[in-house]
């Protein structure tokens, strides 16, 4: 009878599970051939991905900065600052702008590159100053006015279907009175300045000049479809 109970399958099963010693490792080192839980890989993989994305972003950022600097070295901008934001001062700003552009259109030769444009502008600074002063007098303004070739920071700006990245550019800066009003700017060379706010197309000749001055990569980077990219760079710079 006892032998029969000792050999009963239920008793053997109970004995095997209740008396067998279980060994649990106290370390986390995986045994070769064992499966590593995905949760253990999540953090290392996330860190690796972040490192790759950071490196890629820094590369793109450096490339964009280098592209902007190269483009800036090949163009000359015009920057007109109004005395104030009053309607009268803002209108006067545009009148001065038109006068300066008209003077250059009538007297400046066809420049071969930006260096000739800068040299001519510097040489004729007194005439440009006189032109601006005469405009102020004709409009009954007693404001002072000053002109200089200097380096200015410009935000992202779209002209027609071309978008110039934010950064430092050399410009003919015109300061009217206190120069505390909203300003106006454009690309003076190549001649891409619009006096008509509704204009949205470049003269073909101006576009061809710009294409000749820039590399193919630089010109393509100005296309309107990359406007968002430059906007993003500007936002990151300001934070």
Protein backbone atom coordinates (compact mmCIF):
# COMPACT_ATOMS: atom_id res chain seq x y z
CA UNK A 1 0.00 0.00 0.00
CA UNK A 2 2.76 2.39 1.01
CA UNK A 3 4.76 1.50 -2.06
CA UNK A 4 1.72 2.22 -4.18
CA UNK A 5 1.34 5.72 -2.66
CA UNK A 6 5.05 6.49 -3.00
CA UNK A 7 4.91 5.71 -6.69
CA UNK A 8 1.73 7.69 -7.37
CA UNK A 9 2.23 10.22 -10.21
CA UNK A 10 0.60 13.05 -8.25
CA UNK A 11 3.01 12.60 -5.36
CA UNK A 12 6.02 12.47 -7.66
CA UNK A 13 4.89 15.71 -9.34
CA UNK A 14 4.36 17.43 -5.99
CA UNK A 15 7.75 16.28 -4.73
CA UNK A 16 9.57 17.42 -7.85
CA UNK A 17 8.20 20.97 -7.78
CA UNK A 18 8.30 21.48 -4.05
CA UNK A 19 11.70 20.05 -3.24
CA UNK A 20 13.75 21.12 -6.28
CA UNK A 21 16.11 23.94 -5.37
CA UNK A 22 15.75 27.07 -7.55
CA UNK A 23 18.85 29.18 -8.24
CA UNK A 24 18.44 32.86 -9.17
CA UNK A 25 21.54 34.83 -10.21
CA UNK A 26 22.25 37.95 -8.19
CA UNK A 27 23.95 39.75 -11.06
CA UNK A 28 22.68 41.25 -14.31
CA UNK A 29 25.38 39.94 -16.61
CA UNK A 30 23.63 38.08 -19.41
CA UNK A 31 24.54 34.49 -19.97
CA UNK A 32 25.79 33.81 -23.50
CA UNK A 33 22.92 32.72 -25.69
CA UNK A 34 20.22 34.19 -23.45
CA UNK A 35 17.70 36.79 -24.63
CA UNK A 36 18.20 40.42 -23.54
CA UNK A 37 14.99 42.24 -22.73
CA UNK A 38 14.19 45.08 -25.19
CA UNK A 39 13.77 47.50 -22.27
CA UNK A 40 17.46 47.11 -21.47
CA UNK A 41 18.36 48.24 -25.00
CA UNK A 42 16.03 51.21 -25.14
CA UNK A 43 18.23 53.73 -23.32
CA UNK A 44 21.49 52.91 -25.16
CA UNK A 45 19.69 52.99 -28.50
CA UNK A 46 18.02 56.31 -27.66
CA UNK A 47 21.37 57.83 -26.65
CA UNK A 48 23.01 56.58 -29.84
CA UNK A 49 20.20 57.98 -31.97
CA UNK A 50 20.38 61.33 -30.19
CA UNK A 51 24.13 61.49 -30.77
CA UNK A 52 23.68 60.77 -34.49
CA UNK A 53 20.91 63.38 -34.85
CA UNK A 54 22.96 65.97 -32.95
CA UNK A 55 26.00 65.39 -35.15
CA UNK A 56 23.87 65.61 -38.28
CA UNK A 57 22.22 68.83 -37.10
CA UNK A 58 25.57 70.44 -36.26
CA UNK A 59 26.84 69.52 -39.70
CA UNK A 60 23.78 71.05 -41.39
CA UNK A 61 24.01 74.13 -39.18
CA UNK A 62 27.69 74.66 -40.04
CA UNK A 63 26.97 74.12 -43.73
CA UNK A 64 24.13 76.67 -43.68
CA UNK A 65 26.31 79.22 -41.86
CA UNK A 66 29.13 78.74 -44.37
CA UNK A 67 26.67 79.09 -47.26
CA UNK A 68 25.22 82.30 -45.81
CA UNK A 69 28.69 83.79 -45.31
CA UNK A 70 29.66 82.96 -48.88
CA UNK A 71 26.46 84.47 -50.30
CA UNK A 72 26.88 87.58 -48.12
CA UNK A 73 30.35 88.16 -49.55
CA UNK A 74 28.92 88.42 -53.07
CA UNK A 75 26.06 90.88 -52.60
CA UNK A 76 25.54 94.44 -51.36
CA UNK A 77 22.35 95.46 -49.58
CA UNK A 78 20.57 98.76 -48.99
CA UNK A 79 19.26 99.52 -45.51
CA UNK A 80 17.11 102.60 -44.87
CA UNK A 81 16.05 103.44 -41.30
CA UNK A 82 13.18 105.88 -40.77
CA UNK A 83 13.18 108.56 -38.09
CA UNK A 84 10.12 107.03 -36.42
CA UNK A 85 7.06 104.90 -37.09
CA UNK A 86 4.80 107.85 -37.81
CA UNK A 87 3.06 107.71 -41.21
CA UNK A 88 4.96 110.82 -42.31
CA UNK A 89 8.37 109.43 -41.40
CA UNK A 90 7.60 106.08 -42.97
CA UNK A 91 6.53 107.75 -46.22
CA UNK A 92 9.69 109.88 -46.13
CA UNK A 93 11.79 106.75 -45.76
CA UNK A 94 10.38 105.34 -48.98
CA UNK A 95 10.89 108.62 -50.81
CA UNK A 96 14.56 108.67 -49.79
CA UNK A 97 14.88 105.04 -50.86
CA UNK A 98 13.44 105.79 -54.28
CA UNK A 99 15.76 108.77 -54.74
CA UNK A 100 18.88 106.77 -53.92
CA UNK A 101 17.89 103.91 -56.22
CA UNK A 102 17.05 106.36 -59.02
CA UNK A 103 20.44 108.05 -58.66
CA UNK A 104 22.24 104.74 -58.87
CA UNK A 105 20.15 103.58 -61.80
CA UNK A 106 21.01 106.75 -63.71
CA UNK A 107 24.71 106.98 -62.81
CA UNK A 108 26.12 103.60 -61.84
CA UNK A 109 27.77 101.46 -64.53
CA UNK A 110 27.18 97.75 -65.02
CA UNK A 111 29.25 96.23 -62.23
CA UNK A 112 31.15 93.03 -62.90
CA UNK A 113 31.03 91.94 -59.26
CA UNK A 114 30.24 93.12 -55.76
CA UNK A 115 33.74 94.59 -55.29
CA UNK A 116 33.11 97.07 -58.13
CA UNK A 117 29.69 97.88 -56.64
CA UNK A 118 31.20 98.62 -53.23
CA UNK A 119 34.06 100.66 -54.69
CA UNK A 120 31.70 102.79 -56.79
CA UNK A 121 29.33 103.34 -53.87
CA UNK A 122 32.18 104.38 -51.60
CA UNK A 123 33.55 106.75 -54.24
CA UNK A 124 30.14 108.39 -54.76
CA UNK A 125 29.10 108.55 -51.12
CA UNK A 126 29.08 112.37 -51.10
CA UNK A 127 26.80 112.49 -54.14
CA UNK A 128 24.45 109.93 -52.57
CA UNK A 129 24.44 111.95 -49.35
CA UNK A 130 23.61 115.14 -51.26
CA UNK A 131 20.82 113.38 -53.14
CA UNK A 132 19.27 112.19 -49.89
CA UNK A 133 19.55 115.63 -48.27
CA UNK A 134 17.88 117.30 -51.24
CA UNK A 135 14.99 114.86 -51.00
CA UNK A 136 14.49 115.71 -47.32
CA UNK A 137 14.49 119.43 -48.09
CA UNK A 138 12.04 118.97 -50.94
CA UNK A 139 9.71 117.18 -48.51
CA UNK A 140 9.98 119.97 -45.92
CA UNK A 141 11.90 117.80 -43.45
CA UNK A 142 14.56 119.11 -41.07
CA UNK A 143 15.85 115.65 -40.22
CA UNK A 144 19.53 114.92 -40.49
CA UNK A 145 20.64 112.00 -42.65
CA UNK A 146 23.79 109.88 -42.73
CA UNK A 147 25.07 107.22 -45.13
CA UNK A 148 27.76 104.62 -44.57
CA UNK A 149 28.97 101.29 -45.87
CA UNK A 150 28.85 98.94 -42.93
CA UNK A 151 28.04 95.39 -41.88
CA UNK A 152 24.50 94.83 -40.59
CA UNK A 153 22.56 91.83 -39.36
CA UNK A 154 19.54 90.98 -41.52
CA UNK A 155 16.79 88.47 -40.71
CA UNK A 156 15.48 85.97 -43.25
CA UNK A 157 14.04 87.91 -46.19
CA UNK A 158 12.17 86.76 -49.28
CA UNK A 159 12.34 88.64 -52.57
CA UNK A 160 10.04 87.14 -55.15
CA UNK A 161 10.86 83.43 -55.26
CA UNK A 162 14.27 83.80 -53.60
CA UNK A 163 14.87 83.74 -49.84
CA UNK A 164 18.08 85.09 -48.34
CA UNK A 165 19.20 83.54 -45.04
CA UNK A 166 19.63 85.56 -41.87
CA UNK A 167 23.11 86.77 -41.06
CA UNK A 168 25.61 89.60 -41.45
CA UNK A 169 25.74 91.42 -44.78
CA UNK A 170 27.56 94.52 -45.96
CA UNK A 171 25.11 97.29 -46.77
CA UNK A 172 24.73 100.94 -47.62
CA UNK A 173 22.96 102.05 -44.45
CA UNK A 174 20.91 105.24 -44.56
CA UNK A 175 19.84 106.67 -41.19
CA UNK A 176 17.18 109.37 -41.18
CA UNK A 177 16.89 111.52 -38.04
CA UNK A 178 16.84 109.33 -34.93
CA UNK A 179 16.64 106.17 -37.07
CA UNK A 180 14.23 104.58 -34.59
CA UNK A 181 11.42 103.70 -36.99
CA UNK A 182 10.76 100.57 -38.98
CA UNK A 183 13.47 100.01 -41.55
CA UNK A 184 13.47 98.91 -45.17
CA UNK A 185 16.08 96.85 -46.95
CA UNK A 186 16.78 95.16 -50.24
CA UNK A 187 19.63 93.69 -52.28
CA UNK A 188 21.27 96.62 -54.05
CA UNK A 189 23.74 94.48 -55.99
CA UNK A 190 22.77 92.47 -57.91
CA UNK A 191 19.91 94.94 -58.47
CA UNK A 192 17.00 93.19 -56.74
CA UNK A 193 15.44 96.18 -55.01
CA UNK A 194 11.70 96.58 -55.48
CA UNK A 195 10.17 100.02 -55.20
CA UNK A 196 6.74 98.55 -55.89
CA UNK A 197 5.52 96.46 -52.94
CA UNK A 198 3.26 94.47 -55.26
CA UNK A 199 6.13 93.38 -57.48
CA UNK A 200 6.92 89.71 -57.11
CA UNK A 201 9.20 88.93 -60.06
CA UNK A 202 12.83 89.80 -60.60
CA UNK A 203 13.96 91.36 -63.86
CA UNK A 204 15.53 88.55 -65.86
CA UNK A 205 18.78 90.50 -66.16
CA UNK A 206 19.07 90.81 -62.38
CA UNK A 207 18.40 87.12 -61.93
CA UNK A 208 21.11 86.26 -64.44
CA UNK A 209 23.61 88.50 -62.62
CA UNK A 210 22.82 86.80 -59.33
CA UNK A 211 23.24 83.35 -60.87
CA UNK A 212 26.63 84.35 -62.28
CA UNK A 213 27.85 85.66 -58.93
CA UNK A 214 26.80 82.60 -56.90
CA UNK A 215 27.71 78.97 -57.19
CA UNK A 216 24.99 76.58 -58.29
CA UNK A 217 24.63 75.29 -54.72
CA UNK A 218 24.36 78.82 -53.31
CA UNK A 219 21.76 79.88 -55.86
CA UNK A 220 19.64 76.78 -55.33
CA UNK A 221 19.76 77.37 -51.56
CA UNK A 222 17.94 80.67 -52.11
CA UNK A 223 14.95 79.08 -53.73
CA UNK A 224 11.68 79.66 -51.90
CA UNK A 225 11.19 75.97 -51.10
CA UNK A 226 14.03 76.15 -48.54
CA UNK A 227 12.58 79.19 -46.80
CA UNK A 228 11.42 77.06 -43.87
CA UNK A 229 14.94 75.74 -43.34
CA UNK A 230 16.41 79.22 -42.93
CA UNK A 231 13.53 80.27 -40.70
CA UNK A 232 14.26 77.31 -38.44
CA UNK A 233 17.95 78.24 -38.23
CA UNK A 234 16.99 81.80 -37.29
CA UNK A 235 14.63 80.61 -34.56
CA UNK A 236 17.32 78.36 -33.09
CA UNK A 237 19.85 81.21 -33.15
CA UNK A 238 17.50 83.36 -31.10
CA UNK A 239 16.90 80.79 -28.36
